[in-house]
Every structure is written in structure tokens, then in C-alpha cells.
Amino acid sequence: RFVVTQVPAAAEALEVLGTQYPDAVVLDPDLTDGAGSRVLDHLHQLGQREGPSPVWIVISALDHRDVVIRYGPFIPHFLAKPFDPWDLIRLLEELL
């Protein structure tokens, strides 16, 4: 159904985004290296530079307002932790 590339940290995510243009990105900005905001910035810039950017969904233990305050107002789709994995699948199917 979906081909998934999983990365543990922002450095790897940015590397993958440099060589692949995914249809969707599911991102927890609190990545293990604490640099999820760099990935969000890259996704935002990618959309401005390349045209339609990948669909991105942010998952976080923070509420949506706190995520927007911390990472910026360009968070288009959001799921709060804990979330039902089926909700994520439904959202991806709807957006793609």
C-alpha cells in the first residue's frame, strides 16, 4: 500500500529528501537529534522552490497550537500523540 522509508534523525531525513521526492512525509519534530525543525524548514522551502511539496503530517505530544508556536504556522496536517495508527492511514489515503 505504502512504500516507507524510516529514518531515526533529522540528518538522515534531510539526506533522503535530498535524493528522493516522497509523496508524503510523516514527521515527529522531536527527532532523536532534536533537529526536527530543520526538516520542517526544508519541507517548507522545498514547496516554495519546487512547486507542490510532499504532503506532510506532523505528529507530536504537543498540542497543535504549541507545535505552531514552536515550529511555525505552516504545519498543514497534525496528529496528536497518542494517535490511532489507522487514523494516520486514513489521513494519508485522503490526502494522497
Protein backbone atom coordinates (compact mmCIF):
# COMPACT_ATOMS: atom_id res chain seq x y z
CA ARG A 1 0.00 0.00 0.00
CA PHE A 2 2.71 2.45 1.03
CA VAL A 3 6.45 2.24 0.49
CA VAL A 4 8.01 3.54 3.68
CA THR A 5 11.48 4.92 4.29
CA GLN A 6 12.12 5.30 8.00
CA VAL A 7 14.89 7.50 9.38
CA PRO A 8 15.91 7.99 13.01
CA ALA A 9 17.08 11.60 12.94
CA ALA A 10 16.95 14.89 11.04
CA ALA A 11 20.33 14.44 9.36
CA GLU A 12 19.15 11.22 7.72
CA ALA A 13 15.77 12.76 6.83
CA LEU A 14 17.47 15.67 5.08
CA GLU A 15 19.77 13.27 3.26
CA VAL A 16 16.81 11.24 2.00
CA LEU A 17 14.92 14.39 1.00
CA GLY A 18 17.98 15.44 -0.98
CA THR A 19 17.78 12.33 -3.18
CA GLN A 20 14.09 11.36 -3.12
CA TYR A 21 10.90 13.33 -3.58
CA PRO A 22 8.34 11.45 -1.49
CA ASP A 23 4.59 11.75 -1.89
CA ALA A 24 4.22 12.20 1.86
CA VAL A 25 6.31 12.81 4.97
CA VAL A 26 5.16 11.85 8.45
CA LEU A 27 7.37 13.71 10.89
CA ASP A 28 7.80 13.86 14.62
CA PRO A 29 9.68 17.15 15.05
CA ASP A 30 11.14 15.84 18.32
CA LEU A 31 13.51 13.54 16.43
CA THR A 32 16.29 11.87 18.38
CA ASP A 33 18.78 14.59 17.43
CA GLY A 34 16.34 17.37 18.30
CA ALA A 35 16.55 18.92 14.84
CA GLY A 36 13.06 18.25 13.51
CA SER A 37 12.61 21.97 12.90
CA ARG A 38 15.35 21.76 10.23
CA VAL A 39 13.31 19.12 8.41
CA LEU A 40 10.16 21.26 8.66
CA ASP A 41 12.06 24.26 7.29
CA HIS A 42 13.41 22.13 4.44
CA LEU A 43 9.92 20.87 3.56
CA HIS A 44 8.56 24.41 3.60
CA GLN A 45 11.38 25.67 1.36
CA LEU A 46 11.03 22.66 -0.94
CA GLY A 47 7.39 23.55 -1.58
CA GLN A 48 8.25 27.17 -2.32
CA ARG A 49 11.10 26.20 -4.65
CA GLU A 50 9.87 23.07 -6.41
CA GLY A 51 6.13 23.63 -6.61
CA PRO A 52 3.80 21.16 -4.92
CA SER A 53 5.67 19.80 -1.94
CA PRO A 54 5.07 16.40 -0.43
CA VAL A 55 2.06 16.05 1.83
CA TRP A 56 3.38 16.32 5.34
CA ILE A 57 1.81 15.30 8.58
CA VAL A 58 3.31 16.28 11.90
CA ILE A 59 2.83 14.03 14.89
CA SER A 60 3.65 15.35 18.32
CA ALA A 61 2.99 15.04 22.01
CA LEU A 62 2.42 18.81 21.98
CA ASP A 63 -0.96 20.19 21.04
CA HIS A 64 -1.39 21.83 17.64
CA ARG A 65 -1.13 25.38 18.98
CA ASP A 66 2.18 24.63 20.72
CA VAL A 67 3.55 22.96 17.57
CA VAL A 68 2.66 26.06 15.52
CA ILE A 69 4.27 28.34 18.12
CA ARG A 70 7.44 26.22 18.23
CA TYR A 71 7.82 25.24 14.58
CA GLY A 72 5.90 27.85 12.59
CA PRO A 73 2.46 28.41 11.11
CA PHE A 74 2.99 26.26 8.00
CA ILE A 75 2.05 22.95 9.66
CA PRO A 76 -0.73 21.77 7.33
CA HIS A 77 -1.73 18.46 8.94
CA PHE A 78 -1.34 17.38 12.53
CA LEU A 79 -1.95 14.32 14.71
CA ALA A 80 -1.54 14.48 18.48
CA LYS A 81 0.15 11.63 20.33
CA PRO A 82 -1.09 9.16 21.21
CA PHE A 83 -2.97 8.56 17.99
CA ASP A 84 -4.58 5.56 16.35
CA PRO A 85 -2.34 4.31 13.50
CA TRP A 86 -5.48 3.75 11.43
CA ASP A 87 -6.21 7.49 11.70
CA LEU A 88 -2.81 8.15 10.15
CA ILE A 89 -3.50 5.69 7.32
CA ARG A 90 -6.92 7.24 6.67
CA LEU A 91 -5.42 10.73 6.61
CA LEU A 92 -2.67 9.67 4.20
CA GLU A 93 -5.20 7.97 1.91
CA GLU A 94 -7.42 11.07 1.97
CA LEU A 95 -4.57 13.46 1.24
CA LEU A 96 -2.93 11.37 -1.46
